[in-house]
PDB file of N, CA and C in Angstrom:
ATOM      1  N   UNK A   1     121.210   5.003 -82.093  1.00  0.00           N
ATOM      2  CA  UNK A   1     120.488   5.255 -83.288  1.00  0.00           C
ATOM      3  C   UNK A   1     120.875   3.708 -83.896  1.00  0.00           C
ATOM      4  N   UNK A   2     119.615   3.379 -84.727  1.00  0.00           N
ATOM      5  CA  UNK A   2     119.736   1.966 -85.078  1.00  0.00           C
ATOM      6  C   UNK A   2     119.829   2.236 -86.315  1.00  0.00           C
ATOM      7  N   UNK A   3     121.018   1.487 -87.057  1.00  0.00           N
ATOM      8  CA  UNK A   3     121.121   1.544 -88.605  1.00  0.00           C
ATOM      9  C   UNK A   3     120.260   0.623 -89.564  1.00  0.00           C
ATOM     10  N   UNK A   4     120.097   0.777 -90.718  1.00  0.00           N
ATOM     11  CA  UNK A   4     119.311   0.736 -91.583  1.00  0.00           C
ATOM     12  C   UNK A   4     119.397  -0.802 -91.823  1.00  0.00           C
ATOM     13  N   UNK A   5     120.475  -1.581 -91.975  1.00  0.00           N
ATOM     14  CA  UNK A   5     120.743  -2.794 -92.464  1.00  0.00           C
ATOM     15  C   UNK A   5     119.881  -3.994 -91.610  1.00  0.00           C
ATOM     16  N   UNK A   6     119.941  -5.018 -92.345  1.00  0.00           N
ATOM     17  CA  UNK A   6     119.216  -6.183 -91.438  1.00  0.00           C
ATOM     18  C   UNK A   6     119.188  -6.635 -89.852  1.00  0.00           C
ATOM     19  N   UNK A   7     118.454  -6.580 -89.450  1.00  0.00           N
ATOM     20  CA  UNK A   7     118.256  -6.831 -87.816  1.00  0.00           C
ATOM     21  C   UNK A   7     117.735  -8.196 -87.589  1.00  0.00           C
ATOM     22  N   UNK A   8     117.895  -8.598 -86.237  1.00  0.00           N
ATOM     23  CA  UNK A   8     117.034  -9.604 -85.673  1.00  0.00           C
ATOM     24  C   UNK A   8     116.417  -8.582 -84.478  1.00  0.00           C
ATOM     25  N   UNK A   9     115.062  -8.986 -84.400  1.00  0.00           N
ATOM     26  CA  UNK A   9     114.316  -8.556 -83.530  1.00  0.00           C
ATOM     27  C   UNK A   9     113.375  -9.393 -82.696  1.00  0.00           C
ATOM     28  N   UNK A  10     113.020  -8.811 -81.646  1.00  0.00           N
ATOM     29  CA  UNK A  10     112.189  -9.889 -80.704  1.00  0.00           C
ATOM     30  C   UNK A  10     110.717  -8.943 -80.354  1.00  0.00           C
ATOM     31  N   UNK A  11     109.370  -9.650 -80.222  1.00  0.00           N
ATOM     32  CA  UNK A  11     108.533  -9.167 -79.800  1.00  0.00           C
ATOM     33  C   UNK A  11     107.799 -10.200 -78.877  1.00  0.00           C
ATOM     34  N   UNK A  12     107.656  -9.557 -77.772  1.00  0.00           N
ATOM     35  CA  UNK A  12     106.936 -10.475 -76.773  1.00  0.00           C
ATOM     36  C   UNK A  12     105.696 -10.191 -76.494  1.00  0.00           C
ATOM     37  N   UNK A  13     104.542 -10.990 -76.548  1.00  0.00           N
ATOM     38  CA  UNK A  13     103.088 -10.803 -76.318  1.00  0.00           C
ATOM     39  C   UNK A  13     102.527 -11.456 -75.167  1.00  0.00           C
ATOM     40  N   UNK A  14     102.104 -10.516 -74.001  1.00  0.00           N
ATOM     41  CA  UNK A  14     101.436 -11.356 -73.001  1.00  0.00           C
ATOM     42  C   UNK A  14     100.245 -11.265 -73.126  1.00  0.00           C
ATOM     43  N   UNK A  15      99.618 -12.454 -73.038  1.00  0.00           N
ATOM     44  CA  UNK A  15      97.896 -12.461 -72.928  1.00  0.00           C
ATOM     45  C   UNK A  15      97.515 -13.291 -71.475  1.00  0.00           C
ATOM     46  N   UNK A  16      96.475 -12.882 -70.912  1.00  0.00           N
ATOM     47  CA  UNK A  16      95.826 -13.342 -69.753  1.00  0.00           C
ATOM     48  C   UNK A  16      94.474 -13.819 -69.882  1.00  0.00           C
ATOM     49  N   UNK A  17      94.417 -14.965 -69.450  1.00  0.00           N
ATOM     50  CA  UNK A  17      93.258 -16.248 -69.844  1.00  0.00           C
ATOM     51  C   UNK A  17      92.213 -15.318 -69.016  1.00  0.00           C
ATOM     52  N   UNK A  18      90.890 -15.742 -69.139  1.00  0.00           N
ATOM     53  CA  UNK A  18      89.841 -15.423 -68.477  1.00  0.00           C
ATOM     54  C   UNK A  18      89.604 -16.626 -67.553  1.00  0.00           C
ATOM     55  N   UNK A  19      88.733 -16.220 -66.460  1.00  0.00           N
ATOM     56  CA  UNK A  19      88.474 -17.310 -65.301  1.00  0.00           C
ATOM     57  C   UNK A  19      88.791 -17.001 -63.943  1.00  0.00           C
ATOM     58  N   UNK A  20      88.605 -17.775 -63.114  1.00  0.00           N
ATOM     59  CA  UNK A  20      88.490 -17.697 -61.811  1.00  0.00           C
ATOM     60  C   UNK A  20      89.913 -17.452 -61.300  1.00  0.00           C
ATOM     61  N   UNK A  21      91.057 -18.243 -62.173  1.00  0.00           N
ATOM     62  CA  UNK A  21      92.496 -17.889 -61.820  1.00  0.00           C
ATOM     63  C   UNK A  21      93.188 -17.704 -63.066  1.00  0.00           C
ATOM     64  N   UNK A  22      93.282 -16.195 -63.502  1.00  0.00           N
ATOM     65  CA  UNK A  22      94.061 -15.816 -64.779  1.00  0.00           C
ATOM     66  C   UNK A  22      95.293 -16.225 -64.862  1.00  0.00           C
ATOM     67  N   UNK A  23      95.437 -16.919 -65.953  1.00  0.00           N
ATOM     68  CA  UNK A  23      96.944 -17.257 -66.195  1.00  0.00           C
ATOM     69  C   UNK A  23      97.501 -16.436 -67.299  1.00  0.00           C
ATOM     70  N   UNK A  24      98.797 -15.932 -67.046  1.00  0.00           N
ATOM     71  CA  UNK A  24      99.521 -15.031 -68.003  1.00  0.00           C
ATOM     72  C   UNK A  24     100.657 -15.756 -68.909  1.00  0.00           C
ATOM     73  N   UNK A  25     100.163 -15.970 -70.100  1.00  0.00           N
ATOM     74  CA  UNK A  25     101.091 -16.483 -71.122  1.00  0.00           C
ATOM     75  C   UNK A  25     101.875 -15.435 -72.074  1.00  0.00           C
ATOM     76  N   UNK A  26     102.910 -15.813 -72.099  1.00  0.00           N
ATOM     77  CA  UNK A  26     104.166 -15.037 -72.853  1.00  0.00           C
ATOM     78  C   UNK A  26     104.386 -15.681 -74.186  1.00  0.00           C
ATOM     79  N   UNK A  27     103.932 -15.024 -75.551  1.00  0.00           N
ATOM     80  CA  UNK A  27     104.487 -15.623 -76.600  1.00  0.00           C
ATOM     81  C   UNK A  27     105.500 -14.835 -77.216  1.00  0.00           C
ATOM     82  N   UNK A  28     106.764 -15.222 -77.710  1.00  0.00           N
ATOM     83  CA  UNK A  28     107.915 -14.408 -78.162  1.00  0.00           C
ATOM     84  C   UNK A  28     107.932 -15.014 -79.681  1.00  0.00           C
ATOM     85  N   UNK A  29     108.079 -13.828 -80.326  1.00  0.00           N
ATOM     86  CA  UNK A  29     108.170 -13.769 -81.841  1.00  0.00           C
ATOM     87  C   UNK A  29     109.368 -13.121 -82.260  1.00  0.00           C
ATOM     88  N   UNK A  30     110.304 -14.189 -82.767  1.00  0.00           N
ATOM     89  CA  UNK A  30     111.602 -13.634 -83.452  1.00  0.00           C
ATOM     90  C   UNK A  30     111.644 -13.562 -84.579  1.00  0.00           C
ATOM     91  N   UNK A  31     112.179 -12.181 -85.056  1.00  0.00           N
ATOM     92  CA  UNK A  31     111.739 -11.884 -86.815  1.00  0.00           C
ATOM     93  C   UNK A  31     113.484 -11.403 -87.028  1.00  0.00           C
ATOM     94  N   UNK A  32     113.613 -11.839 -88.300  1.00  0.00           N
ATOM     95  CA  UNK A  32     114.789 -11.060 -88.976  1.00  0.00           C
ATOM     96  C   UNK A  32     114.251 -10.380 -90.154  1.00  0.00           C
ATOM     97  N   UNK A  33     114.646  -9.142 -90.145  1.00  0.00           N
ATOM     98  CA  UNK A  33     114.176  -8.323 -91.340  1.00  0.00           C
ATOM     99  C   UNK A  33     115.041  -6.964 -91.506  1.00  0.00           C
ATOM    100  N   UNK A  34     114.385  -5.961 -91.807  1.00  0.00           N
ATOM    101  CA  UNK A  34     115.437  -4.601 -92.434  1.00  0.00           C
ATOM    102  C   UNK A  34     114.423  -3.582 -91.672  1.00  0.00           C
ATOM    103  N   UNK A  35     115.300  -2.559 -90.855  1.00  0.00           N
ATOM    104  CA  UNK A  35     114.619  -1.545 -90.518  1.00  0.00           C
ATOM    105  C   UNK A  35     114.851  -0.284 -91.429  1.00  0.00           C
ATOM    106  N   UNK A  36     114.036   0.262 -91.690  1.00  0.00           N
ATOM    107  CA  UNK A  36     113.878   1.604 -92.303  1.00  0.00           C
ATOM    108  C   UNK A  36     113.526   2.795 -91.800  1.00  0.00           C
ATOM    109  N   UNK A  37     114.430   3.808 -91.199  1.00  0.00           N
ATOM    110  CA  UNK A  37     114.131   4.954 -90.895  1.00  0.00           C
ATOM    111  C   UNK A  37     113.219   5.632 -91.834  1.00  0.00           C
ATOM    112  N   UNK A  38     112.114   6.620 -91.155  1.00  0.00           N
ATOM    113  CA  UNK A  38     111.391   7.233 -92.203  1.00  0.00           C
ATOM    114  C   UNK A  38     112.208   8.646 -92.690  1.00  0.00           C
ATOM    115  N   UNK A  39     111.799   8.696 -93.905  1.00  0.00           N
ATOM    116  CA  UNK A  39     112.771  10.081 -94.439  1.00  0.00           C
ATOM    117  C   UNK A  39     111.966  11.310 -95.308  1.00  0.00           C
ATOM    118  N   UNK A  40     110.895  10.618 -95.184  1.00  0.00           N
ATOM    119  CA  UNK A  40     109.977  11.780 -96.359  1.00  0.00           C
ATOM    120  C   UNK A  40     108.907  12.292 -95.422  1.00  0.00           C
ATOM    121  N   UNK A  41     107.695  11.767 -95.439  1.00  0.00           N
ATOM    122  CA  UNK A  41     106.585  12.362 -95.020  1.00  0.00           C
ATOM    123  C   UNK A  41     106.440  12.201 -93.368  1.00  0.00           C
ATOM    124  N   UNK A  42     106.460  13.350 -92.882  1.00  0.00           N
ATOM    125  CA  UNK A  42     106.704  12.878 -91.525  1.00  0.00           C
ATOM    126  C   UNK A  42     105.066  13.100 -90.704  1.00  0.00           C
ATOM    127  N   UNK A  43     104.287  13.521 -91.657  1.00  0.00           N
ATOM    128  CA  UNK A  43     102.806  13.490 -90.969  1.00  0.00           C
ATOM    129  C   UNK A  43     101.971  12.383 -90.849  1.00  0.00           C
ATOM    130  N   UNK A  44     102.735  11.226 -91.410  1.00  0.00           N
ATOM    131  CA  UNK A  44     102.127   9.788 -91.018  1.00  0.00           C
ATOM    132  C   UNK A  44     102.646   9.491 -89.490  1.00  0.00           C
ATOM    133  N   UNK A  45     101.799   8.506 -88.844  1.00  0.00           N
ATOM    134  CA  UNK A  45     102.101   8.184 -87.524  1.00  0.00           C
ATOM    135  C   UNK A  45     102.897   6.994 -87.447  1.00  0.00           C
ATOM    136  N   UNK A  46     104.483   7.255 -87.699  1.00  0.00           N
ATOM    137  CA  UNK A  46     105.293   6.267 -87.508  1.00  0.00           C
ATOM    138  C   UNK A  46     106.685   7.146 -87.660  1.00  0.00           C
ATOM    139  N   UNK A  47     107.784   6.474 -87.229  1.00  0.00           N
ATOM    140  CA  UNK A  47     108.967   7.049 -87.259  1.00  0.00           C
ATOM    141  C   UNK A  47     110.038   6.122 -88.161  1.00  0.00           C
ATOM    142  N   UNK A  48     109.612   4.693 -88.190  1.00  0.00           N
ATOM    143  CA  UNK A  48     110.398   3.895 -89.056  1.00  0.00           C
ATOM    144  C   UNK A  48     109.491   2.779 -89.090  1.00  0.00           C
ATOM    145  N   UNK A  49     110.181   1.955 -90.154  1.00  0.00           N
ATOM    146  CA  UNK A  49     109.314   0.711 -90.585  1.00  0.00           C
ATOM    147  C   UNK A  49     110.256  -0.463 -90.481  1.00  0.00           C
ATOM    148  N   UNK A  50     109.853  -1.780 -90.047  1.00  0.00           N
ATOM    149  CA  UNK A  50     110.634  -2.737 -90.407  1.00  0.00           C
ATOM    150  C   UNK A  50     109.748  -3.914 -91.022  1.00  0.00           C
ATOM    151  N   UNK A  51     110.595  -4.382 -92.194  1.00  0.00           N
ATOM    152  CA  UNK A  51     110.280  -5.353 -93.112  1.00  0.00           C
ATOM    153  C   UNK A  51     110.874  -6.890 -92.884  1.00  0.00           C
ATOM    154  N   UNK A  52     109.613  -7.722 -92.539  1.00  0.00           N
ATOM    155  CA  UNK A  52     110.115  -9.136 -92.170  1.00  0.00           C
ATOM    156  C   UNK A  52     109.352 -10.074 -92.909  1.00  0.00           C
ATOM    157  N   UNK A  53     109.672 -11.309 -92.970  1.00  0.00           N
ATOM    158  CA  UNK A  53     108.757 -12.284 -93.529  1.00  0.00           C
ATOM    159  C   UNK A  53     107.351 -12.403 -92.836  1.00  0.00           C
ATOM    160  N   UNK A  54     106.189 -13.087 -93.461  1.00  0.00           N
ATOM    161  CA  UNK A  54     104.820 -13.117 -92.864  1.00  0.00           C
ATOM    162  C   UNK A  54     104.998 -13.360 -91.247  1.00  0.00           C
ATOM    163  N   UNK A  55     104.056 -12.775 -90.739  1.00  0.00           N
ATOM    164  CA  UNK A  55     103.830 -12.988 -89.140  1.00  0.00           C
ATOM    165  C   UNK A  55     102.459 -13.923 -88.994  1.00  0.00           C
ATOM    166  N   UNK A  56     102.532 -14.909 -88.907  1.00  0.00           N
ATOM    167  CA  UNK A  56     101.397 -15.886 -88.948  1.00  0.00           C
ATOM    168  C   UNK A  56     100.154 -15.388 -87.839  1.00  0.00           C
ATOM    169  N   UNK A  57     100.700 -14.994 -86.621  1.00  0.00           N
ATOM    170  CA  UNK A  57      99.894 -14.634 -85.513  1.00  0.00           C
ATOM    171  C   UNK A  57      98.906 -13.433 -85.988  1.00  0.00           C
ATOM    172  N   UNK A  58      99.286 -12.481 -87.139  1.00  0.00           N
ATOM    173  CA  UNK A  58      98.421 -11.682 -87.550  1.00  0.00           C
ATOM    174  C   UNK A  58      97.192 -12.128 -88.385  1.00  0.00           C
ATOM    175  N   UNK A  59      97.489 -13.109 -88.620  1.00  0.00           N
ATOM    176  CA  UNK A  59      96.490 -13.928 -89.469  1.00  0.00           C
ATOM    177  C   UNK A  59      94.866 -14.177 -88.679  1.00  0.00           C
ATOM    178  N   UNK A  60      95.619 -14.508 -87.379  1.00  0.00           N
ATOM    179  CA  UNK A  60      94.290 -14.830 -86.437  1.00  0.00           C
ATOM    180  C   UNK A  60      93.870 -13.568 -85.789  1.00  0.00           C
ATOM    181  N   UNK A  61      94.732 -12.659 -85.134  1.00  0.00           N
ATOM    182  CA  UNK A  61      94.538 -11.514 -84.613  1.00  0.00           C
ATOM    183  C   UNK A  61      95.035 -10.189 -85.324  1.00  0.00           C
ATOM    184  N   UNK A  62      94.588  -9.717 -86.219  1.00  0.00           N
ATOM    185  CA  UNK A  62      95.261  -8.658 -86.976  1.00  0.00           C
ATOM    186  C   UNK A  62      95.950  -7.357 -86.110  1.00  0.00           C
ATOM    187  N   UNK A  63      95.165  -7.294 -84.987  1.00  0.00           N
ATOM    188  CA  UNK A  63      95.892  -6.227 -83.808  1.00  0.00           C
ATOM    189  C   UNK A  63      96.847  -6.777 -82.756  1.00  0.00           C
ATOM    190  N   UNK A  64      97.173  -7.862 -83.138  1.00  0.00           N
ATOM    191  CA  UNK A  64      98.125  -8.189 -81.802  1.00  0.00           C
ATOM    192  C   UNK A  64      99.194  -7.763 -81.405  1.00  0.00           C
ATOM    193  N   UNK A  65     100.035  -6.992 -82.382  1.00  0.00           N
ATOM    194  CA  UNK A  65     101.131  -6.338 -82.178  1.00  0.00           C
ATOM    195  C   UNK A  65     100.831  -4.794 -82.149  1.00  0.00           C
ATOM    196  N   UNK A  66      99.724  -4.256 -82.139  1.00  0.00           N
ATOM    197  CA  UNK A  66      99.396  -2.776 -81.920  1.00  0.00           C
ATOM    198  C   UNK A  66      99.710  -2.467 -80.658  1.00  0.00           C
ATOM    199  N   UNK A  67     100.602  -1.678 -80.404  1.00  0.00           N
ATOM    200  CA  UNK A  67     100.870  -1.116 -78.940  1.00  0.00           C
ATOM    201  C   UNK A  67     101.943  -2.044 -78.418  1.00  0.00           C
ATOM    202  N   UNK A  68     102.341  -3.038 -78.669  1.00  0.00           N
ATOM    203  CA  UNK A  68     103.734  -3.880 -78.252  1.00  0.00           C
ATOM    204  C   UNK A  68     105.012  -3.173 -78.579  1.00  0.00           C
ATOM    205  N   UNK A  69     105.784  -3.659 -77.917  1.00  0.00           N
ATOM    206  CA  UNK A  69     107.348  -3.234 -78.105  1.00  0.00           C
ATOM    207  C   UNK A  69     107.912  -4.132 -78.955  1.00  0.00           C
ATOM    208  N   UNK A  70     108.574  -3.743 -79.500  1.00  0.00           N
ATOM    209  CA  UNK A  70     109.788  -4.553 -80.509  1.00  0.00           C
ATOM    210  C   UNK A  70     111.213  -4.171 -79.926  1.00  0.00           C
ATOM    211  N   UNK A  71     111.912  -5.329 -79.390  1.00  0.00           N
ATOM    212  CA  UNK A  71     113.306  -5.138 -79.200  1.00  0.00           C
ATOM    213  C   UNK A  71     114.329  -5.431 -80.390  1.00  0.00           C
ATOM    214  N   UNK A  72     115.282  -4.302 -80.592  1.00  0.00           N
ATOM    215  CA  UNK A  72     116.181  -4.556 -81.605  1.00  0.00           C
ATOM    216  C   UNK A  72     117.683  -4.036 -81.061  1.00  0.00           C
ATOM    217  N   UNK A  73     118.561  -4.951 -80.893  1.00  0.00           N
ATOM    218  CA  UNK A  73     119.968  -4.485 -80.395  1.00  0.00           C
ATOM    219  C   UNK A  73     119.883  -3.847 -79.084  1.00  0.00           C
ATOM    220  N   UNK A  74     118.901  -4.303 -78.315  1.00  0.00           N
ATOM    221  CA  UNK A  74     118.729  -3.891 -76.961  1.00  0.00           C
ATOM    222  C   UNK A  74     118.008  -2.415 -76.770  1.00  0.00           C
ATOM    223  N   UNK A  75     117.342  -2.165 -77.568  1.00  0.00           N
ATOM    224  CA  UNK A  75     116.463  -0.776 -77.633  1.00  0.00           C
ATOM    225  C   UNK A  75     115.097  -1.390 -77.939  1.00  0.00           C
ATOM    226  N   UNK A  76     114.291  -0.965 -77.194  1.00  0.00           N
ATOM    227  CA  UNK A  76     112.772  -1.065 -77.387  1.00  0.00           C
ATOM    228  C   UNK A  76     112.191   0.042 -78.291  1.00  0.00           C
ATOM    229  N   UNK A  77     111.312  -0.490 -79.083  1.00  0.00           N
ATOM    230  CA  UNK A  77     110.787   0.573 -79.804  1.00  0.00           C
ATOM    231  C   UNK A  77     109.223   0.093 -79.830  1.00  0.00           C
ATOM    232  N   UNK A  78     108.149   1.110 -79.719  1.00  0.00           N
ATOM    233  CA  UNK A  78     106.770   0.777 -79.815  1.00  0.00           C
ATOM    234  C   UNK A  78     106.389   0.598 -81.260  1.00  0.00           C
ATOM    235  N   UNK A  79     105.324  -0.297 -81.309  1.00  0.00           N
ATOM    236  CA  UNK A  79     104.768  -0.781 -82.717  1.00  0.00           C
ATOM    237  C   UNK A  79     103.409  -0.215 -82.687  1.00  0.00           C
ATOM    238  N   UNK A  80     103.113   0.715 -83.997  1.00  0.00           N
ATOM    239  CA  UNK A  80     101.902   1.303 -83.871  1.00  0.00           C
ATOM    240  C   UNK A  80     101.042   0.281 -84.793  1.00  0.00           C
ATOM    241  N   UNK A  81     101.652  -0.086 -85.753  1.00  0.00           N
ATOM    242  CA  UNK A  81     100.787  -1.129 -86.505  1.00  0.00           C
ATOM    243  C   UNK A  81     101.418  -2.081 -87.528  1.00  0.00           C
ATOM    244  N   UNK A  82     100.776  -3.366 -87.448  1.00  0.00           N
ATOM    245  CA  UNK A  82     101.706  -4.513 -88.521  1.00  0.00           C
ATOM    246  C   UNK A  82     100.499  -4.860 -89.359  1.00  0.00           C
ATOM    247  N   UNK A  83     101.049  -4.963 -90.723  1.00  0.00           N
ATOM    248  CA  UNK A  83     100.325  -5.567 -91.849  1.00  0.00           C
ATOM    249  C   UNK A  83     101.148  -6.803 -92.384  1.00  0.00           C
ATOM    250  N   UNK A  84     100.162  -7.656 -92.659  1.00  0.00           N
ATOM    251  CA  UNK A  84     100.630  -8.982 -93.474  1.00  0.00           C
ATOM    252  C   UNK A  84     100.461  -8.657 -94.941  1.00  0.00           C
ATOM    253  N   UNK A  85     101.421  -8.812 -95.935  1.00  0.00           N
ATOM    254  CA  UNK A  85     100.864  -8.466 -97.490  1.00  0.00           C
ATOM    255  C   UNK A  85     101.003  -9.877 -97.909  1.00  0.00           C
ATOM    256  N   UNK A  86     101.314 -10.074 -99.363  1.00  0.00           N
ATOM    257  CA  UNK A  86     101.425 -11.463-100.162  1.00  0.00           C
ATOM    258  C   UNK A  86     102.621 -12.178 -99.455  1.00  0.00           C
ATOM    259  N   UNK A  87     103.629 -11.504 -99.298  1.00  0.00           N
ATOM    260  CA  UNK A  87     105.116 -12.031 -99.290  1.00  0.00           C
ATOM    261  C   UNK A  87     105.753 -11.484 -98.245  1.00  0.00           C
ATOM    262  N   UNK A  88     105.352 -10.555 -97.263  1.00  0.00           N
ATOM    263  CA  UNK A  88     106.231  -9.985 -96.338  1.00  0.00           C
ATOM    264  C   UNK A  88     105.387  -9.211 -95.258  1.00  0.00           C
ATOM    265  N   UNK A  89     105.874  -8.792 -94.046  1.00  0.00           N
ATOM    266  CA  UNK A  89     104.998  -8.104 -93.195  1.00  0.00           C
ATOM    267  C   UNK A  89     105.763  -6.750 -93.193  1.00  0.00           C
ATOM    268  N   UNK A  90     104.957  -5.750 -92.876  1.00  0.00           N
ATOM    269  CA  UNK A  90     105.490  -4.388 -92.591  1.00  0.00           C
ATOM    270  C   UNK A  90     104.863  -3.837 -91.178  1.00  0.00           C
ATOM    271  N   UNK A  91     105.937  -3.683 -90.411  1.00  0.00           N
ATOM    272  CA  UNK A  91     105.575  -3.255 -88.962  1.00  0.00           C
ATOM    273  C   UNK A  91     106.010  -1.421 -88.959  1.00  0.00           C
ATOM    274  N   UNK A  92     104.986  -0.762 -88.527  1.00  0.00           N
ATOM    275  CA  UNK A  92     105.163   0.684 -88.502  1.00  0.00           C
ATOM    276  C   UNK A  92     105.672   0.899 -86.930  1.00  0.00           C
ATOM    277  N   UNK A  93     106.638   1.680 -86.720  1.00  0.00           N
ATOM    278  CA  UNK A  93     107.085   1.763 -85.453  1.00  0.00           C
ATOM    279  C   UNK A  93     107.353   3.177 -84.943  1.00  0.00           C
ATOM    280  N   UNK A  94     106.904   3.183 -83.854  1.00  0.00           N
ATOM    281  CA  UNK A  94     106.721   4.806 -83.352  1.00  0.00           C
ATOM    282  C   UNK A  94     107.934   5.411 -83.219  1.00  0.00           C
TER     283      UNK A  94
END
């Protein structure tokens, strides 16, 4: 079980280029933020949230983290959705 206090997390995103010889590129995003397990509305599609500074990759592609995995303390958690707000990013975790 992951505790609520601040954590360091890592998200690795693999992209494959188009062309006759596809190349796979891995982008690693290191995040420092706060893990918040859900306690109220269980009908929404997430089990926890992770709050962190803005993720600039979301400005280029708003869906880049959808379906990816976040690693926190050796545990992997699926990412449902991520949003940049004015001062921070909110990531909904499976």
